[in-house]
N, C-alpha and C. Protein backbone atom coordinates (compact mmCIF):
# COMPACT_ATOMS: atom_id res chain seq x y z
N MET A 1 -29.61 -27.40 3.22
CA MET A 1 -29.24 -28.29 2.13
C MET A 1 -29.97 -27.67 0.73
N SER A 2 -29.28 -27.66 -0.19
CA SER A 2 -29.88 -27.00 -1.26
C SER A 2 -30.53 -28.04 -2.41
N GLU A 3 -31.68 -27.77 -2.86
CA GLU A 3 -32.18 -28.68 -3.87
C GLU A 3 -31.85 -28.57 -5.07
N SER A 4 -31.65 -29.60 -5.82
CA SER A 4 -31.32 -29.52 -7.29
C SER A 4 -32.37 -29.04 -8.05
N ARG A 5 -32.16 -28.66 -9.44
CA ARG A 5 -33.15 -28.20 -10.23
C ARG A 5 -34.06 -29.22 -10.43
N GLU A 6 -33.66 -30.53 -10.54
CA GLU A 6 -34.64 -31.68 -10.77
C GLU A 6 -35.66 -31.85 -9.60
N GLU A 7 -35.14 -31.68 -8.45
CA GLU A 7 -35.90 -31.83 -7.14
C GLU A 7 -36.95 -30.74 -7.05
N THR A 8 -36.71 -29.52 -7.50
CA THR A 8 -37.57 -28.59 -7.54
C THR A 8 -38.66 -28.54 -8.52
N ALA A 9 -38.31 -29.10 -9.61
CA ALA A 9 -39.09 -29.42 -10.82
C ALA A 9 -40.51 -30.01 -10.54
N ALA A 10 -40.45 -30.75 -9.52
CA ALA A 10 -41.75 -31.53 -9.08
C ALA A 10 -42.83 -30.38 -8.75
N CYS A 11 -42.39 -29.44 -8.10
CA CYS A 11 -43.42 -28.38 -7.66
C CYS A 11 -43.40 -27.19 -8.65
N CYS A 12 -42.52 -27.08 -9.43
CA CYS A 12 -42.22 -25.79 -10.12
C CYS A 12 -42.03 -26.11 -11.63
N HIS A 13 -42.46 -24.95 -12.41
CA HIS A 13 -42.14 -25.13 -13.85
C HIS A 13 -41.00 -24.04 -14.30
N TYR A 14 -40.18 -24.29 -15.33
CA TYR A 14 -39.13 -23.22 -15.62
C TYR A 14 -39.65 -22.49 -16.92
N LYS A 15 -39.32 -21.37 -16.96
CA LYS A 15 -39.54 -20.59 -18.29
C LYS A 15 -38.75 -21.12 -19.45
N ASN A 16 -39.37 -21.08 -20.50
CA ASN A 16 -38.64 -21.51 -21.74
C ASN A 16 -37.85 -20.42 -22.20
N THR A 17 -38.27 -19.05 -22.13
CA THR A 17 -37.59 -17.71 -22.46
C THR A 17 -37.19 -17.19 -20.86
N PRO A 18 -35.91 -17.00 -20.89
CA PRO A 18 -35.27 -16.45 -19.51
C PRO A 18 -35.88 -15.05 -19.56
N ARG A 19 -36.05 -14.48 -18.23
CA ARG A 19 -36.34 -13.10 -17.87
C ARG A 19 -35.10 -12.21 -18.27
N GLY A 20 -35.41 -11.00 -18.75
CA GLY A 20 -34.32 -10.31 -19.23
C GLY A 20 -33.57 -9.58 -17.87
N ASN A 21 -32.27 -9.39 -18.02
CA ASN A 21 -31.51 -8.86 -17.02
C ASN A 21 -32.16 -7.73 -16.41
N GLU A 22 -32.72 -6.76 -16.98
CA GLU A 22 -33.19 -5.48 -16.53
C GLU A 22 -34.48 -5.89 -15.54
N LEU A 23 -35.38 -6.66 -16.14
CA LEU A 23 -36.48 -7.14 -15.48
C LEU A 23 -36.06 -7.95 -14.19
N GLN A 24 -35.24 -8.82 -14.30
CA GLN A 24 -34.77 -9.62 -13.20
C GLN A 24 -34.25 -8.80 -12.11
N ALA A 25 -33.38 -7.76 -12.51
CA ALA A 25 -32.78 -6.74 -11.48
C ALA A 25 -33.92 -5.96 -10.85
N ASP A 26 -34.92 -5.53 -11.53
CA ASP A 26 -36.11 -4.76 -10.90
C ASP A 26 -36.82 -5.71 -10.13
N VAL A 27 -37.04 -6.74 -10.48
CA VAL A 27 -37.96 -7.51 -9.55
C VAL A 27 -37.13 -7.84 -8.29
N GLN A 28 -35.94 -8.21 -8.34
CA GLN A 28 -35.04 -8.53 -7.21
C GLN A 28 -35.05 -7.24 -6.20
N ARG A 29 -34.79 -6.21 -6.83
CA ARG A 29 -34.79 -4.84 -6.03
C ARG A 29 -36.03 -4.63 -5.23
N ARG A 30 -37.19 -4.83 -5.94
CA ARG A 30 -38.40 -4.70 -5.47
C ARG A 30 -38.83 -5.69 -4.20
N LEU A 31 -38.42 -6.86 -4.54
CA LEU A 31 -38.63 -7.95 -3.47
C LEU A 31 -37.81 -7.55 -2.38
N ASN A 32 -36.42 -7.15 -2.51
CA ASN A 32 -35.77 -6.93 -1.40
C ASN A 32 -36.23 -5.81 -0.52
N ARG A 33 -36.96 -4.69 -1.26
CA ARG A 33 -37.62 -3.58 -0.60
C ARG A 33 -38.71 -4.09 0.29
N ALA A 34 -39.51 -5.00 -0.35
CA ALA A 34 -40.57 -5.43 0.33
C ALA A 34 -40.47 -6.23 1.55
N ILE A 35 -39.00 -7.13 1.41
CA ILE A 35 -38.72 -7.91 2.52
C ILE A 35 -38.27 -7.02 3.62
N GLY A 36 -37.36 -5.87 3.30
CA GLY A 36 -37.10 -4.95 4.35
C GLY A 36 -38.29 -4.21 5.01
N GLN A 37 -39.24 -3.96 4.08
CA GLN A 37 -40.60 -3.20 4.75
C GLN A 37 -41.24 -4.37 5.69
N LEU A 38 -41.33 -5.39 5.32
CA LEU A 38 -41.92 -6.34 6.11
C LEU A 38 -41.13 -6.75 7.48
N ASN A 39 -39.96 -6.70 7.38
CA ASN A 39 -38.99 -6.86 8.63
C ASN A 39 -39.22 -5.78 9.51
N GLY A 40 -39.34 -4.65 8.86
CA GLY A 40 -39.61 -3.25 9.71
C GLY A 40 -41.03 -3.36 10.32
N VAL A 41 -41.88 -3.85 9.81
CA VAL A 41 -43.31 -4.03 10.38
C VAL A 41 -43.18 -5.03 11.52
N LYS A 42 -42.46 -6.10 11.24
CA LYS A 42 -42.15 -7.19 12.36
C LYS A 42 -41.55 -6.49 13.56
N ALA A 43 -40.51 -5.51 13.44
CA ALA A 43 -39.85 -4.98 14.45
C ALA A 43 -40.77 -3.85 15.00
N MET A 44 -41.81 -3.14 14.39
CA MET A 44 -42.67 -2.26 14.88
C MET A 44 -43.74 -2.97 15.72
N VAL A 45 -44.24 -4.18 15.39
CA VAL A 45 -45.14 -4.83 16.08
C VAL A 45 -44.43 -5.27 17.42
N GLU A 46 -43.15 -5.85 17.34
CA GLU A 46 -42.35 -6.13 18.41
C GLU A 46 -42.15 -5.17 19.46
N ASP A 47 -42.05 -3.83 18.93
CA ASP A 47 -41.71 -2.85 19.75
C ASP A 47 -43.08 -1.94 20.14
N ASN A 48 -44.22 -2.65 19.89
CA ASN A 48 -45.51 -2.17 20.33
C ASN A 48 -45.90 -0.67 19.75
N ARG A 49 -45.38 -0.69 18.37
CA ARG A 49 -45.86 0.88 17.97
C ARG A 49 -47.15 1.10 17.57
N TYR A 50 -47.46 2.24 17.28
CA TYR A 50 -48.64 2.67 17.01
C TYR A 50 -49.39 1.91 15.77
N CYS A 51 -50.53 1.44 16.02
CA CYS A 51 -51.23 0.53 14.88
C CYS A 51 -51.19 1.36 13.55
N GLY A 52 -51.60 2.74 13.69
CA GLY A 52 -51.81 3.37 12.38
C GLY A 52 -50.25 3.25 11.56
N ASP A 53 -49.33 3.42 12.37
CA ASP A 53 -47.88 3.53 11.61
C ASP A 53 -47.71 2.08 11.23
N VAL A 54 -48.07 1.02 11.88
CA VAL A 54 -47.82 -0.26 11.33
C VAL A 54 -48.64 -0.56 10.27
N LEU A 55 -49.82 -0.18 10.25
CA LEU A 55 -50.53 -0.36 8.89
C LEU A 55 -50.15 0.42 7.69
N THR A 56 -49.55 1.68 7.90
CA THR A 56 -48.98 2.33 6.87
C THR A 56 -48.01 1.59 6.22
N GLN A 57 -46.96 0.97 7.06
CA GLN A 57 -46.04 0.21 6.54
C GLN A 57 -46.12 -1.04 5.76
N LEU A 58 -47.46 -1.59 6.33
CA LEU A 58 -47.91 -2.83 5.61
C LEU A 58 -48.41 -2.34 4.36
N ALA A 59 -49.10 -1.31 4.20
CA ALA A 59 -49.62 -0.85 2.93
C ALA A 59 -48.54 -0.59 1.92
N ALA A 60 -47.27 -0.14 2.45
CA ALA A 60 -46.19 0.21 1.47
C ALA A 60 -45.67 -1.21 1.01
N ALA A 61 -45.57 -2.13 1.90
CA ALA A 61 -45.08 -3.46 1.60
C ALA A 61 -46.09 -4.14 0.65
N GLU A 62 -47.26 -4.02 0.79
CA GLU A 62 -48.31 -4.66 -0.17
C GLU A 62 -48.09 -3.89 -1.52
N SER A 63 -47.91 -2.72 -1.46
CA SER A 63 -47.86 -1.92 -2.86
C SER A 63 -46.61 -2.51 -3.59
N ALA A 64 -45.46 -2.69 -2.90
CA ALA A 64 -44.33 -3.03 -3.67
C ALA A 64 -44.54 -4.58 -3.98
N ILE A 65 -45.26 -5.30 -3.28
CA ILE A 65 -45.42 -6.59 -3.84
C ILE A 65 -46.50 -6.74 -4.93
N ARG A 66 -47.51 -5.91 -4.94
CA ARG A 66 -48.43 -5.65 -6.05
C ARG A 66 -47.79 -5.50 -7.34
N ARG A 67 -46.76 -4.45 -7.12
CA ARG A 67 -45.99 -4.01 -8.38
C ARG A 67 -45.15 -5.22 -8.96
N VAL A 68 -44.52 -6.01 -8.03
CA VAL A 68 -43.74 -7.04 -8.64
C VAL A 68 -44.76 -8.22 -9.31
N ARG A 69 -45.84 -8.40 -8.71
CA ARG A 69 -46.95 -9.12 -9.11
C ARG A 69 -47.31 -8.78 -10.60
N GLU A 70 -47.40 -7.42 -10.93
CA GLU A 70 -47.91 -6.83 -12.13
C GLU A 70 -46.85 -7.00 -13.13
N LEU A 71 -45.64 -6.86 -12.72
CA LEU A 71 -44.41 -6.96 -13.64
C LEU A 71 -44.13 -8.48 -14.14
N LEU A 72 -44.51 -9.34 -13.16
CA LEU A 72 -44.48 -10.74 -13.46
C LEU A 72 -45.62 -11.25 -14.35
N LEU A 73 -46.64 -10.72 -14.10
CA LEU A 73 -47.89 -11.12 -14.78
C LEU A 73 -47.64 -10.71 -16.10
N LYS A 74 -47.32 -9.43 -16.50
CA LYS A 74 -47.10 -8.94 -17.87
C LYS A 74 -45.96 -9.70 -18.51
N GLU A 75 -44.91 -10.05 -17.87
CA GLU A 75 -43.90 -10.99 -18.39
C GLU A 75 -44.59 -12.39 -18.86
N HIS A 76 -45.32 -12.90 -17.95
CA HIS A 76 -45.96 -14.21 -18.15
C HIS A 76 -46.87 -14.10 -19.44
N MET A 77 -47.58 -13.13 -19.47
CA MET A 77 -48.48 -13.01 -20.63
C MET A 77 -47.67 -12.89 -21.91
N GLU A 78 -46.58 -12.05 -21.92
CA GLU A 78 -45.77 -11.75 -23.08
C GLU A 78 -44.96 -12.86 -23.53
N THR A 79 -44.55 -13.72 -22.63
CA THR A 79 -43.81 -14.84 -23.13
C THR A 79 -44.44 -16.03 -22.88
N CYS A 80 -44.51 -16.67 -21.81
CA CYS A 80 -45.04 -18.08 -21.40
C CYS A 80 -46.45 -18.19 -22.15
N VAL A 81 -47.33 -17.28 -21.80
CA VAL A 81 -48.60 -17.54 -22.41
C VAL A 81 -48.69 -17.47 -23.93
N VAL A 82 -47.95 -16.49 -24.60
CA VAL A 82 -48.00 -16.35 -26.01
C VAL A 82 -47.25 -17.57 -26.46
N GLU A 83 -46.17 -18.22 -25.94
CA GLU A 83 -45.50 -19.33 -26.40
C GLU A 83 -46.42 -20.45 -26.41
N GLN A 84 -47.14 -20.75 -25.47
CA GLN A 84 -48.05 -21.82 -25.23
C GLN A 84 -49.15 -21.82 -26.12
N VAL A 85 -49.70 -20.70 -26.47
CA VAL A 85 -50.73 -20.49 -27.51
C VAL A 85 -50.25 -20.75 -28.63
N GLN A 86 -49.16 -20.21 -29.17
CA GLN A 86 -48.49 -20.49 -30.51
C GLN A 86 -48.22 -21.91 -30.57
N ALA A 87 -47.92 -22.80 -29.48
CA ALA A 87 -47.64 -24.03 -29.61
C ALA A 87 -48.91 -24.97 -29.76
N GLY A 88 -50.24 -24.27 -29.73
CA GLY A 88 -51.47 -24.98 -29.84
C GLY A 88 -51.95 -25.27 -28.24
N ASN A 89 -51.34 -24.96 -27.16
CA ASN A 89 -51.84 -25.10 -25.83
C ASN A 89 -52.71 -23.98 -25.41
N THR A 90 -53.97 -23.98 -25.74
CA THR A 90 -54.88 -23.03 -25.25
C THR A 90 -55.37 -23.09 -23.73
N GLU A 91 -54.94 -24.25 -23.13
CA GLU A 91 -55.43 -24.50 -21.67
C GLU A 91 -54.57 -23.37 -20.96
N VAL A 92 -53.60 -22.71 -21.41
CA VAL A 92 -52.72 -21.84 -20.58
C VAL A 92 -53.52 -20.57 -20.34
N ILE A 93 -54.52 -20.40 -21.06
CA ILE A 93 -55.65 -19.31 -20.78
C ILE A 93 -56.36 -19.58 -19.49
N ASP A 94 -56.89 -20.74 -19.30
CA ASP A 94 -57.57 -21.09 -18.09
C ASP A 94 -56.67 -20.94 -17.12
N GLU A 95 -55.33 -21.31 -17.04
CA GLU A 95 -54.32 -21.16 -15.99
C GLU A 95 -54.09 -19.65 -15.74
N LEU A 96 -53.99 -18.82 -16.77
CA LEU A 96 -54.04 -17.43 -16.67
C LEU A 96 -55.10 -16.78 -15.85
N LEU A 97 -56.33 -17.13 -16.23
CA LEU A 97 -57.40 -16.64 -15.55
C LEU A 97 -57.45 -17.00 -14.20
N LYS A 98 -57.01 -18.32 -13.93
CA LYS A 98 -57.02 -18.68 -12.47
C LYS A 98 -55.96 -17.96 -11.70
N LEU A 99 -54.83 -17.66 -12.20
CA LEU A 99 -53.75 -17.02 -11.53
C LEU A 99 -54.29 -15.46 -11.38
N ILE A 100 -55.03 -14.94 -12.27
CA ILE A 100 -55.60 -13.49 -12.03
C ILE A 100 -56.57 -13.52 -10.99
N ARG A 101 -57.53 -14.69 -10.94
CA ARG A 101 -58.62 -14.71 -9.69
C ARG A 101 -57.90 -14.85 -8.52
N ASN A 102 -56.54 -15.36 -8.28
CA ASN A 102 -56.04 -15.39 -7.13
C ASN A 102 -55.66 -14.13 -6.54
N PHE A 103 -55.42 -13.05 -7.45
CA PHE A 103 -55.06 -11.69 -6.92
C PHE A 103 -56.09 -10.88 -6.19
N GLY A 104 -57.32 -11.28 -6.20
CA GLY A 104 -58.56 -10.66 -5.58
C GLY A 104 -58.48 -10.60 -4.12
């Protein structure tokens, strides 16, 4: 069953400025790659593959996810944060710091 935009709005916010097509495609491509890598890791574990090989594949998946995170953080800072500060909402800075702390 698919949730409507209103139903998901309770847990999520929507951007005022849509992501550009190029960024959207890049993020989707990178996420698909990470999902593929994680599926490969899962198969490796099920196949009882060598731990070092599994860890190497996990590192590759983490790297792909890290890059997506960096791209989205940059986009967030350049659009959402700037827009909120310009509108007088400086609380968004605290939210940004909290987000960055979650990366550690």
